[in-house]
């Protein structure tokens, strides 16, 4: 190793630090919830906190209950074993207080489904789910979507009647479509009971002042999850110092043949004034991405796009999944809920499919109708996903448009972008991934390993950039070189990080003729 690089290495080993990207949600605003009854849960919690040293110990809630080592909970258990203990933890003397917590991160293993009161697994059957919804008495939900309204007693008044409690059916999400950071909304009324209007089998926003539900009354819930502890750790690692090189990735939107059947990414519940309608999602997401300079593959033919047909790295995978074959308008995906295997997913890749049960299979659960699972996407290299744990109905499927606009373009945190894409609260959605993740977007079509200043050659000028990158971190490098991809230019050993271990390869590149 050259003398100058030897000096750099010695200095780095003693002084290297990490500079995190700025985020709309800070570690002080995040509550981490885990269950120490699981050794995996404790290990994963420690891994997450190591990635976010700005989260104070006062923001770590241990539920420590073996009863919670299950995928499903009766509603009463959700209240007594999850919601109320989290409330009590926050309400204890000292920091934090209720308005301080903007996001909750659930650590695997953690229950993800709440049973229906009158027909426990009604949500596992589209017909039974529809019947419960039509009766105004669908209590089944994801744990996560219930916790978004942590400070509301959603079950108050529930007696099995039609819309007799706010836990029945769904609540319109006041944060949907918003381009604004979540903490830009006042949070002083978060514990005040909200006034909602039952209309057409859903709860609409109503009232004014402190009793009107606003985005400031929400707690954005994400979970760190996957098929294994290793998979869950991997999504934490992939989300740190996240750089997405828009010049080297593609977004895929795969519909069926729209000349045979109408699309299902723009479903409505009401013919007028529908609070769930977000437009023709695949087309609008496509147009927003293209306008911002992203490469998009949009397909509305009979063909189901397989990994063999699309070898490009995919930063967003959106398809009809196993519903691609509906109405005879599309091909049956290959395999039985395994079509995701073989695609190339770079760091930061997102999964959002129109499949009712694509998040059922967490916590060791089986799936239904052989639908692809968010956990399998994570195992295949993915970083972020939105999914459904019970039957959600097509009109509540998350909108890709706002994942594109708020995450890939506006660079909001993952928690914010995901929940602006979801129309319904107290419903079936889960958001997988690091709530605090914020992408840095590069546009570097032909990076050269070792050429850190982007001048087309590898020379002594790159030493200063390599030193800055290692000392000040990826965010500082991207701030200085906003179009360049630091990983494609400095990760010599290919481990997805830039550390002193890359200096040997860097020196070889400098000295090569």
Protein backbone atom coordinates (compact mmCIF):
# COMPACT_ATOMS: atom_id res chain seq x y z
CA UNK A 1 0.00 0.00 0.00
CA UNK A 2 1.31 3.45 -0.85
CA UNK A 3 2.52 5.66 2.02
CA UNK A 4 -0.29 8.17 1.52
CA UNK A 5 -2.96 5.47 1.62
CA UNK A 6 -1.30 3.87 4.66
CA UNK A 7 -1.59 7.18 6.46
CA UNK A 8 -5.25 7.47 5.42
CA UNK A 9 -6.02 3.95 6.70
CA UNK A 10 -4.42 4.63 10.08
CA UNK A 11 -6.32 7.87 10.43
CA UNK A 12 -9.61 6.33 9.36
CA UNK A 13 -9.44 3.47 11.82
CA UNK A 14 -9.22 5.96 14.64
CA UNK A 15 -11.58 8.65 13.40
CA UNK A 16 -14.16 7.14 11.05
CA UNK A 17 -17.71 8.32 11.69
CA UNK A 18 -21.06 7.98 10.02
CA UNK A 19 -23.16 10.93 8.92
CA UNK A 20 -26.81 10.04 8.50
CA UNK A 21 -29.01 11.57 5.84
CA UNK A 22 -31.45 14.16 7.13
CA UNK A 23 -34.99 12.91 7.56
CA UNK A 24 -38.40 14.43 8.23
CA UNK A 25 -38.81 11.95 11.10
CA UNK A 26 -35.98 11.87 13.65
CA UNK A 27 -34.95 9.08 15.98
CA UNK A 28 -36.42 11.08 18.87
CA UNK A 29 -39.83 10.67 17.23
CA UNK A 30 -39.67 6.89 16.79
CA UNK A 31 -40.90 4.27 19.25
CA UNK A 32 -39.34 0.83 18.79
CA UNK A 33 -41.60 -1.99 20.02
CA UNK A 34 -40.28 -5.53 20.49
CA UNK A 35 -40.91 -8.68 22.50
CA UNK A 36 -37.98 -9.94 24.58
CA UNK A 37 -39.81 -13.26 25.02
CA UNK A 38 -38.20 -13.99 21.64
CA UNK A 39 -34.37 -14.05 21.49
CA UNK A 40 -34.69 -13.19 17.78
CA UNK A 41 -36.74 -10.14 18.71
CA UNK A 42 -34.07 -8.91 21.09
CA UNK A 43 -31.30 -9.50 18.54
CA UNK A 44 -33.22 -7.69 15.80
CA UNK A 45 -34.05 -4.79 18.10
CA UNK A 46 -30.35 -4.41 18.90
CA UNK A 47 -29.50 -4.48 15.20
CA UNK A 48 -32.05 -1.77 14.45
CA UNK A 49 -30.86 0.46 17.28
CA UNK A 50 -27.26 0.05 16.14
CA UNK A 51 -28.32 1.40 12.75
CA UNK A 52 -30.09 4.34 14.46
CA UNK A 53 -28.04 5.49 17.46
CA UNK A 54 -30.17 8.66 17.63
CA UNK A 55 -33.15 6.65 18.95
CA UNK A 56 -32.98 7.11 22.73
CA UNK A 57 -33.35 4.19 25.14
CA UNK A 58 -36.48 5.88 26.49
CA UNK A 59 -38.10 5.16 23.10
CA UNK A 60 -37.67 1.39 23.26
CA UNK A 61 -40.73 -0.52 24.50
CA UNK A 62 -40.41 -4.19 25.48
CA UNK A 63 -43.77 -5.98 25.69
CA UNK A 64 -42.04 -9.14 27.02
CA UNK A 65 -44.96 -11.54 26.61
CA UNK A 66 -44.82 -15.11 25.22
CA UNK A 67 -48.53 -14.85 24.36
CA UNK A 68 -47.50 -12.45 21.59
CA UNK A 69 -45.44 -15.12 19.82
CA UNK A 70 -48.33 -15.75 17.44
CA UNK A 71 -49.48 -14.30 14.11
CA UNK A 72 -53.10 -13.61 15.14
CA UNK A 73 -54.76 -11.94 18.12
CA UNK A 74 -58.39 -11.63 19.25
CA UNK A 75 -59.36 -7.96 19.37
CA UNK A 76 -59.44 -8.01 23.16
CA UNK A 77 -55.88 -9.32 23.29
CA UNK A 78 -54.77 -6.63 20.85
CA UNK A 79 -56.16 -4.03 23.27
CA UNK A 80 -54.84 -5.54 26.52
CA UNK A 81 -51.50 -6.94 25.33
CA UNK A 82 -50.44 -4.49 22.62
CA UNK A 83 -52.28 -1.17 22.42
CA UNK A 84 -52.72 -0.42 26.11
CA UNK A 85 -49.18 -1.44 27.17
CA UNK A 86 -47.73 0.79 24.44
CA UNK A 87 -49.92 3.66 25.63
CA UNK A 88 -48.86 3.08 29.23
CA UNK A 89 -45.20 3.05 28.23
CA UNK A 90 -45.52 6.42 26.48
CA UNK A 91 -47.65 7.87 29.28
CA UNK A 92 -45.09 6.99 31.97
CA UNK A 93 -43.29 9.98 33.51
CA UNK A 94 -40.57 11.49 31.39
CA UNK A 95 -39.88 11.55 27.67
CA UNK A 96 -41.62 10.69 25.36
CA UNK A 97 -45.16 11.99 25.60
CA UNK A 98 -47.99 11.15 23.21
CA UNK A 99 -47.38 13.99 20.72
CA UNK A 100 -43.66 13.19 20.57
CA UNK A 101 -44.04 9.80 18.88
CA UNK A 102 -44.61 10.15 15.14
CA UNK A 103 -43.69 6.62 14.07
CA UNK A 104 -43.69 3.14 15.59
CA UNK A 105 -41.37 0.38 14.38
CA UNK A 106 -42.53 -3.16 15.20
CA UNK A 107 -39.74 -5.70 15.50
CA UNK A 108 -40.14 -9.27 14.29
CA UNK A 109 -41.58 -11.56 15.60
CA UNK A 110 -44.73 -9.59 16.25
CA UNK A 111 -48.42 -10.46 15.59
CA UNK A 112 -49.72 -8.99 12.36
CA UNK A 113 -53.46 -9.86 12.31
CA UNK A 114 -56.44 -9.05 14.54
CA UNK A 115 -59.36 -11.49 14.44
CA UNK A 116 -62.92 -10.47 13.69
CA UNK A 117 -65.19 -10.50 16.76
CA UNK A 118 -68.09 -12.48 15.31
CA UNK A 119 -66.37 -14.56 12.63
CA UNK A 120 -62.71 -14.87 13.58
CA UNK A 121 -61.22 -15.60 10.17
CA UNK A 122 -63.82 -13.87 8.00
CA UNK A 123 -61.02 -11.92 6.35
CA UNK A 124 -59.50 -15.13 4.98
CA UNK A 125 -62.49 -15.53 2.67
CA UNK A 126 -63.34 -12.83 0.11
CA UNK A 127 -67.02 -13.80 0.36
CA UNK A 128 -67.15 -13.73 4.16
CA UNK A 129 -65.13 -10.52 4.23
CA UNK A 130 -67.60 -8.92 1.83
CA UNK A 131 -70.53 -10.07 3.96
CA UNK A 132 -68.98 -8.63 7.13
CA UNK A 133 -68.17 -5.38 5.36
CA UNK A 134 -71.69 -5.15 3.90
CA UNK A 135 -73.10 -5.65 7.39
CA UNK A 136 -70.96 -2.78 8.67
CA UNK A 137 -69.27 -5.11 11.15
CA UNK A 138 -65.83 -6.00 9.77
CA UNK A 139 -63.55 -5.84 12.82
CA UNK A 140 -60.69 -7.90 11.35
CA UNK A 141 -57.62 -5.77 10.62
CA UNK A 142 -53.87 -5.69 10.69
CA UNK A 143 -52.25 -4.97 14.04
CA UNK A 144 -50.28 -2.24 12.30
CA UNK A 145 -53.25 -0.37 10.82
CA UNK A 146 -55.01 -0.37 14.20
CA UNK A 147 -51.92 1.08 15.88
CA UNK A 148 -51.79 3.99 13.43
CA UNK A 149 -54.68 5.35 15.52
CA UNK A 150 -52.93 4.40 18.76
CA UNK A 151 -54.70 7.03 20.87
CA UNK A 152 -58.23 6.32 19.67
CA UNK A 153 -60.47 3.78 21.45
CA UNK A 154 -61.67 2.38 18.15
CA UNK A 155 -63.61 -0.44 19.84
CA UNK A 156 -65.63 1.89 22.10
CA UNK A 157 -69.32 0.98 21.74
CA UNK A 158 -68.67 -2.22 19.81
CA UNK A 159 -71.56 -4.66 20.37
CA UNK A 160 -71.73 -6.54 17.10
CA UNK A 161 -73.99 -4.00 15.42
CA UNK A 162 -73.59 -2.15 12.16
CA UNK A 163 -71.03 0.67 12.44
CA UNK A 164 -71.48 0.83 16.20
CA UNK A 165 -67.77 1.45 16.79
CA UNK A 166 -64.94 3.03 14.84
CA UNK A 167 -63.34 -0.42 14.65
CA UNK A 168 -66.06 -1.48 12.19
CA UNK A 169 -64.95 -1.50 8.55
CA UNK A 170 -62.43 1.25 7.71
CA UNK A 171 -61.57 4.89 8.34
CA UNK A 172 -60.58 7.33 5.61
CA UNK A 173 -56.88 8.19 5.90
CA UNK A 174 -56.42 11.98 6.30
CA UNK A 175 -52.74 11.72 5.28
CA UNK A 176 -53.40 10.11 1.90
CA UNK A 177 -52.02 11.97 -1.14
CA UNK A 178 -50.24 14.50 1.07
CA UNK A 179 -46.89 15.86 -0.18
CA UNK A 180 -46.11 17.28 3.28
CA UNK A 181 -43.92 15.88 6.07
CA UNK A 182 -45.97 14.21 8.78
CA UNK A 183 -44.57 16.41 11.53
CA UNK A 184 -45.75 19.54 9.71
CA UNK A 185 -49.24 18.76 11.05
CA UNK A 186 -50.09 19.85 14.63
CA UNK A 187 -50.05 16.92 17.10
CA UNK A 188 -51.38 18.59 20.23
CA UNK A 189 -54.83 16.96 19.93
CA UNK A 190 -53.61 13.41 19.27
CA UNK A 191 -55.27 11.95 22.41
CA UNK A 192 -58.60 13.72 21.85
CA UNK A 193 -61.43 11.41 20.75
CA UNK A 194 -62.27 12.12 17.12
CA UNK A 195 -65.66 12.64 15.53
CA UNK A 196 -66.19 10.48 12.44
CA UNK A 197 -69.20 10.13 10.16
CA UNK A 198 -70.53 6.69 9.21
CA UNK A 199 -71.50 6.87 5.55
CA UNK A 200 -71.87 4.05 3.06
CA UNK A 201 -70.24 1.57 5.39
CA UNK A 202 -67.07 3.60 5.99
CA UNK A 203 -65.98 6.20 8.50
CA UNK A 204 -65.43 9.60 6.88
CA UNK A 205 -63.64 12.61 8.32
CA UNK A 206 -66.04 14.92 10.12
CA UNK A 207 -66.25 17.74 12.62
CA UNK A 208 -63.80 20.54 13.23
CA UNK A 209 -61.13 21.67 15.64
CA UNK A 210 -59.64 19.20 18.12
CA UNK A 211 -62.18 16.48 17.35
CA UNK A 212 -61.50 16.30 13.60
CA UNK A 213 -59.09 13.54 12.59
CA UNK A 214 -56.02 14.95 10.84
CA UNK A 215 -52.65 13.63 9.75
CA UNK A 216 -51.24 15.01 13.00
CA UNK A 217 -53.28 12.44 14.92
CA UNK A 218 -51.60 9.46 13.23
CA UNK A 219 -48.66 7.33 14.31
CA UNK A 220 -47.01 5.89 11.20
CA UNK A 221 -46.38 2.18 11.78
CA UNK A 222 -43.85 0.07 9.92
CA UNK A 223 -42.41 -3.32 10.76
CA UNK A 224 -39.01 -4.96 10.38
CA UNK A 225 -39.99 -8.43 9.25
CA UNK A 226 -39.32 -11.31 6.91
CA UNK A 227 -39.17 -15.07 6.71
CA UNK A 228 -36.06 -15.25 8.90
CA UNK A 229 -34.04 -13.16 11.33
CA UNK A 230 -31.37 -12.87 8.64
CA UNK A 231 -33.86 -11.51 6.11
CA UNK A 232 -35.13 -8.94 8.61
CA UNK A 233 -31.60 -7.81 9.45
CA UNK A 234 -30.90 -7.46 5.74
CA UNK A 235 -33.70 -4.93 5.16
CA UNK A 236 -32.28 -2.78 7.96
CA UNK A 237 -28.85 -2.88 6.34
CA UNK A 238 -30.14 -2.21 2.82
CA UNK A 239 -32.00 0.89 3.99
CA UNK A 240 -28.98 2.60 5.56
CA UNK A 241 -27.12 5.27 3.55
CA UNK A 242 -29.48 4.37 0.72
CA UNK A 243 -28.43 5.60 -2.70
CA UNK A 244 -30.64 4.76 -5.70
CA UNK A 245 -29.03 5.31 -9.07
CA UNK A 246 -31.98 6.19 -11.31
CA UNK A 247 -29.83 5.72 -14.43
CA UNK A 248 -29.32 2.03 -13.67
CA UNK A 249 -32.73 0.86 -12.39
CA UNK A 250 -36.22 0.46 -13.77
CA UNK A 251 -39.80 0.59 -12.47
CA UNK A 252 -42.10 -2.24 -13.60
CA UNK A 253 -45.89 -1.89 -13.83
CA UNK A 254 -47.44 -5.11 -15.10
CA UNK A 255 -51.19 -5.09 -15.77
CA UNK A 256 -53.19 -7.62 -17.76
CA UNK A 257 -54.64 -7.00 -21.25
CA UNK A 258 -56.83 -3.90 -20.91
CA UNK A 259 -58.50 -4.59 -24.26
CA UNK A 260 -60.08 -7.70 -22.67
CA UNK A 261 -60.98 -6.43 -19.19
CA UNK A 262 -60.99 -3.16 -17.28
CA UNK A 263 -58.01 -2.57 -15.03
CA UNK A 264 -58.28 -3.10 -11.29
CA UNK A 265 -55.78 -0.48 -10.13
CA UNK A 266 -58.45 2.25 -10.19
CA UNK A 267 -61.33 0.58 -8.36
CA UNK A 268 -63.93 2.76 -6.61
CA UNK A 269 -66.37 2.08 -3.78
CA UNK A 270 -68.70 5.01 -4.55
CA UNK A 271 -69.70 6.39 -7.94
CA UNK A 272 -69.24 10.00 -6.78
CA UNK A 273 -67.19 11.61 -4.04
CA UNK A 274 -65.22 8.43 -3.46
CA UNK A 275 -62.58 9.03 -0.73
CA UNK A 276 -60.63 5.94 -1.84
CA UNK A 277 -60.24 6.76 -5.51
CA UNK A 278 -56.71 7.78 -6.42
CA UNK A 279 -56.94 7.75 -10.21
CA UNK A 280 -55.67 5.25 -12.76
CA UNK A 281 -52.77 4.24 -10.58
CA UNK A 282 -50.38 2.29 -12.82
CA UNK A 283 -50.64 4.85 -15.60
CA UNK A 284 -50.34 7.86 -13.30
CA UNK A 285 -47.38 6.33 -11.44
CA UNK A 286 -45.73 5.59 -14.78
CA UNK A 287 -46.22 9.16 -15.99
CA UNK A 288 -44.91 10.70 -12.75
CA UNK A 289 -41.79 8.52 -12.84
CA UNK A 290 -41.05 9.23 -16.50
CA UNK A 291 -41.49 12.96 -15.97
CA UNK A 292 -38.83 12.80 -13.26
CA UNK A 293 -36.37 10.95 -15.49
CA UNK A 294 -36.86 7.37 -14.33
CA UNK A 295 -36.91 4.43 -16.72
CA UNK A 296 -40.25 2.60 -16.72
CA UNK A 297 -41.54 -0.62 -18.21
CA UNK A 298 -45.31 -0.54 -18.41
CA UNK A 299 -47.14 -3.56 -19.78
CA UNK A 300 -50.88 -3.89 -20.41
CA UNK A 301 -50.84 -7.06 -22.50
CA UNK A 302 -51.84 -10.66 -21.89
CA UNK A 303 -48.22 -11.52 -21.09
CA UNK A 304 -47.08 -11.72 -17.47
CA UNK A 305 -43.59 -10.22 -17.31
CA UNK A 306 -41.18 -12.78 -15.86
CA UNK A 307 -37.63 -12.41 -14.60
CA UNK A 308 -36.33 -13.83 -17.88
CA UNK A 309 -38.17 -11.09 -19.78
CA UNK A 310 -37.00 -8.26 -17.52
CA UNK A 311 -33.39 -8.68 -16.32
CA UNK A 312 -32.92 -5.01 -15.37
CA UNK A 313 -32.57 -4.07 -11.69
CA UNK A 314 -36.09 -3.14 -10.52
CA UNK A 315 -36.48 -0.40 -7.93
CA UNK A 316 -40.29 -0.79 -7.93
CA UNK A 317 -42.13 -4.01 -8.69
CA UNK A 318 -45.88 -3.53 -9.19
CA UNK A 319 -48.08 -6.14 -10.79
CA UNK A 320 -51.43 -7.86 -10.52
CA UNK A 321 -49.55 -10.92 -9.29
CA UNK A 322 -51.72 -14.03 -9.18
CA UNK A 323 -54.68 -11.81 -10.15
CA UNK A 324 -53.05 -11.20 -13.52
CA UNK A 325 -55.04 -14.16 -14.86
CA UNK A 326 -58.43 -12.76 -13.79
CA UNK A 327 -61.25 -12.62 -16.36
CA UNK A 328 -59.09 -14.42 -18.91
CA UNK A 329 -57.30 -11.13 -19.52
CA UNK A 330 -53.80 -12.25 -18.63
CA UNK A 331 -51.34 -15.10 -18.33
CA UNK A 332 -51.00 -17.14 -15.15
CA UNK A 333 -47.75 -16.18 -13.39
CA UNK A 334 -45.16 -18.97 -13.34
CA UNK A 335 -45.04 -21.19 -10.26
CA UNK A 336 -47.38 -21.09 -7.30
CA UNK A 337 -46.75 -17.80 -5.57
CA UNK A 338 -43.07 -17.92 -6.54
CA UNK A 339 -42.99 -15.61 -9.57
CA UNK A 340 -40.79 -13.08 -7.75
CA UNK A 341 -37.78 -15.40 -7.80
CA UNK A 342 -35.13 -14.43 -10.34
CA UNK A 343 -35.79 -10.70 -10.58
CA UNK A 344 -32.89 -8.37 -9.77
CA UNK A 345 -33.74 -6.16 -6.81
CA UNK A 346 -31.13 -3.52 -5.90
CA UNK A 347 -30.97 -1.82 -2.52
CA UNK A 348 -34.14 0.19 -1.96
CA UNK A 349 -36.43 -1.99 -4.10
CA UNK A 350 -40.18 -1.70 -3.36
CA UNK A 351 -42.96 -4.32 -3.72
CA UNK A 352 -46.67 -3.50 -4.20
CA UNK A 353 -48.99 -6.02 -5.86
CA UNK A 354 -52.74 -6.32 -6.23
CA UNK A 355 -53.04 -9.53 -4.24
CA UNK A 356 -55.36 -9.78 -1.26
CA UNK A 357 -53.11 -11.90 0.94
CA UNK A 358 -49.58 -10.88 -0.02
CA UNK A 359 -48.65 -10.19 3.63
CA UNK A 360 -50.58 -13.05 5.25
CA UNK A 361 -47.52 -15.29 5.39
CA UNK A 362 -45.62 -13.40 8.10
CA UNK A 363 -44.88 -15.06 11.45
CA UNK A 364 -44.88 -18.51 9.88
CA UNK A 365 -48.42 -18.25 8.51
CA UNK A 366 -49.30 -19.99 5.27
CA UNK A 367 -50.64 -17.99 2.36
CA UNK A 368 -53.92 -18.25 0.45
CA UNK A 369 -54.61 -18.71 -3.26
CA UNK A 370 -50.88 -19.24 -3.86
CA UNK A 371 -50.24 -15.50 -3.84
CA UNK A 372 -46.73 -14.06 -3.71
CA UNK A 373 -45.61 -12.83 -0.30
CA UNK A 374 -43.87 -9.65 0.81
CA UNK A 375 -41.58 -11.84 2.91
CA UNK A 376 -40.47 -13.75 -0.20
CA UNK A 377 -39.71 -10.43 -1.89
CA UNK A 378 -37.51 -9.49 1.07
CA UNK A 379 -35.74 -12.85 0.80
CA UNK A 380 -35.16 -12.12 -2.90
CA UNK A 381 -33.30 -8.89 -2.08
CA UNK A 382 -36.12 -6.38 -1.58
CA UNK A 383 -36.01 -3.57 0.97
CA UNK A 384 -39.54 -2.12 1.25
CA UNK A 385 -43.07 -3.45 0.76
CA UNK A 386 -46.73 -2.70 1.36
CA UNK A 387 -49.16 -5.56 1.71
CA UNK A 388 -52.42 -6.97 3.06
CA UNK A 389 -52.97 -9.48 5.86
CA UNK A 390 -56.70 -10.10 5.28
CA UNK A 391 -58.98 -9.43 2.28
CA UNK A 392 -58.65 -5.65 1.63
CA UNK A 393 -60.83 -5.24 -1.54
CA UNK A 394 -59.25 -3.70 -4.63
CA UNK A 395 -60.34 -0.14 -3.86
CA UNK A 396 -57.99 0.00 -0.83
CA UNK A 397 -54.81 -1.31 -2.52
CA UNK A 398 -51.95 1.18 -1.96
CA UNK A 399 -51.24 3.64 -4.77
CA UNK A 400 -47.90 3.30 -6.55
CA UNK A 401 -48.26 6.92 -7.65
CA UNK A 402 -47.56 8.21 -4.15
CA UNK A 403 -44.77 5.73 -3.47
CA UNK A 404 -43.13 7.19 -6.57
CA UNK A 405 -43.90 10.85 -5.87
CA UNK A 406 -43.18 10.88 -2.14
CA UNK A 407 -40.33 8.36 -1.84
CA UNK A 408 -38.46 8.30 -5.14
CA UNK A 409 -39.06 11.93 -6.14
CA UNK A 410 -39.75 14.04 -3.02
CA UNK A 411 -37.52 11.81 -0.84
CA UNK A 412 -39.81 11.57 2.16
CA UNK A 413 -39.12 8.88 4.75
CA UNK A 414 -40.40 5.42 3.88
CA UNK A 415 -43.04 5.61 6.63
CA UNK A 416 -44.42 8.85 5.25
CA UNK A 417 -44.42 7.76 1.61
CA UNK A 418 -46.05 4.42 2.37
CA UNK A 419 -48.88 5.83 4.46
CA UNK A 420 -49.65 8.58 1.94
CA UNK A 421 -50.24 5.73 -0.53
CA UNK A 422 -52.75 3.92 1.70
CA UNK A 423 -56.36 5.09 1.62
CA UNK A 424 -57.73 3.32 4.70
CA UNK A 425 -56.93 3.13 8.40
CA UNK A 426 -58.06 0.41 10.78
CA UNK A 427 -57.94 -1.94 7.80
CA UNK A 428 -55.64 -4.65 6.39
CA UNK A 429 -52.36 -2.95 5.50
CA UNK A 430 -48.83 -3.52 6.72
CA UNK A 431 -45.77 -1.50 5.75
CA UNK A 432 -42.49 -3.42 5.72
CA UNK A 433 -39.19 -1.58 6.05
CA UNK A 434 -37.26 1.00 8.02
CA UNK A 435 -39.56 3.91 8.88
CA UNK A 436 -36.62 6.33 8.85
CA UNK A 437 -35.16 5.35 5.48
CA UNK A 438 -34.72 8.24 3.03
CA UNK A 439 -33.29 7.65 -0.44
CA UNK A 440 -30.49 9.67 -1.95
CA UNK A 441 -31.01 9.74 -5.72
CA UNK A 442 -28.02 9.57 -8.06
CA UNK A 443 -28.07 9.74 -11.85
CA UNK A 444 -24.85 8.00 -12.85
CA UNK A 445 -25.25 5.95 -16.05
CA UNK A 446 -21.63 4.82 -16.53
CA UNK A 447 -19.75 4.84 -13.22
CA UNK A 448 -16.12 3.74 -13.16
CA UNK A 449 -14.92 1.94 -10.04
CA UNK A 450 -12.29 4.19 -8.50
CA UNK A 451 -13.22 7.38 -10.36
CA UNK A 452 -14.68 9.16 -7.36
CA UNK A 453 -14.74 12.69 -8.73
CA UNK A 454 -16.39 11.64 -12.00
CA UNK A 455 -13.80 13.20 -14.30
CA UNK A 456 -13.35 10.00 -16.31
CA UNK A 457 -9.96 9.02 -14.91
CA UNK A 458 -8.65 7.37 -11.76
CA UNK A 459 -5.91 9.54 -10.33
CA UNK A 460 -4.62 11.26 -7.24
CA UNK A 461 -7.57 13.66 -7.17
CA UNK A 462 -9.79 10.71 -6.24
CA UNK A 463 -7.86 10.11 -3.01
CA UNK A 464 -9.38 13.18 -1.38
CA UNK A 465 -12.90 12.05 -2.36
CA UNK A 466 -12.28 8.54 -1.03
CA UNK A 467 -11.00 10.01 2.22
CA UNK A 468 -14.05 12.28 2.53
CA UNK A 469 -16.38 9.40 1.73
CA UNK A 470 -14.88 7.21 4.44
CA UNK A 471 -14.63 9.95 7.04
CA UNK A 472 -17.86 11.87 6.47
CA UNK A 473 -20.08 9.17 5.05
CA UNK A 474 -22.21 8.53 2.00
CA UNK A 475 -24.58 11.45 2.56
CA UNK A 476 -21.72 13.95 2.58
CA UNK A 477 -20.29 12.46 -0.62
CA UNK A 478 -23.67 12.63 -2.37
CA UNK A 479 -24.09 16.24 -1.24
CA UNK A 480 -20.77 17.07 -2.89
CA UNK A 481 -21.39 14.89 -5.97
CA UNK A 482 -25.20 14.76 -6.32
CA UNK A 483 -25.26 12.77 -9.56
CA UNK A 484 -22.59 10.19 -8.71
CA UNK A 485 -23.19 6.71 -7.29
CA UNK A 486 -20.75 6.17 -4.41
CA UNK A 487 -21.30 2.41 -4.26
CA UNK A 488 -20.67 1.89 -7.97
CA UNK A 489 -17.51 4.01 -7.68
CA UNK A 490 -16.04 3.01 -4.29
CA UNK A 491 -17.41 -0.37 -3.11
CA UNK A 492 -14.46 -2.42 -4.33
CA UNK A 493 -15.23 -5.60 -2.36
CA UNK A 494 -18.94 -5.60 -3.29
CA UNK A 495 -20.29 -5.93 0.24
CA UNK A 496 -22.76 -3.05 -0.15
CA UNK A 497 -20.77 -0.79 2.19
CA UNK A 498 -17.87 1.60 1.80
CA UNK A 499 -15.24 0.97 4.48
CA UNK A 500 -11.44 0.89 4.84
CA UNK A 501 -11.67 -2.67 3.49
CA UNK A 502 -12.20 -1.08 0.06
CA UNK A 503 -8.88 0.77 0.15
CA UNK A 504 -6.83 -2.17 -1.14
CA UNK A 505 -8.94 -2.30 -4.30
CA UNK A 506 -8.82 1.47 -4.60
CA UNK A 507 -5.03 1.47 -4.44
CA UNK A 508 -4.87 -1.23 -7.11
CA UNK A 509 -7.10 0.88 -9.37
CA UNK A 510 -4.89 3.94 -8.80
CA UNK A 511 -1.73 2.03 -9.65
CA UNK A 512 -3.07 0.12 -12.64
CA UNK A 513 -1.83 1.39 -16.03
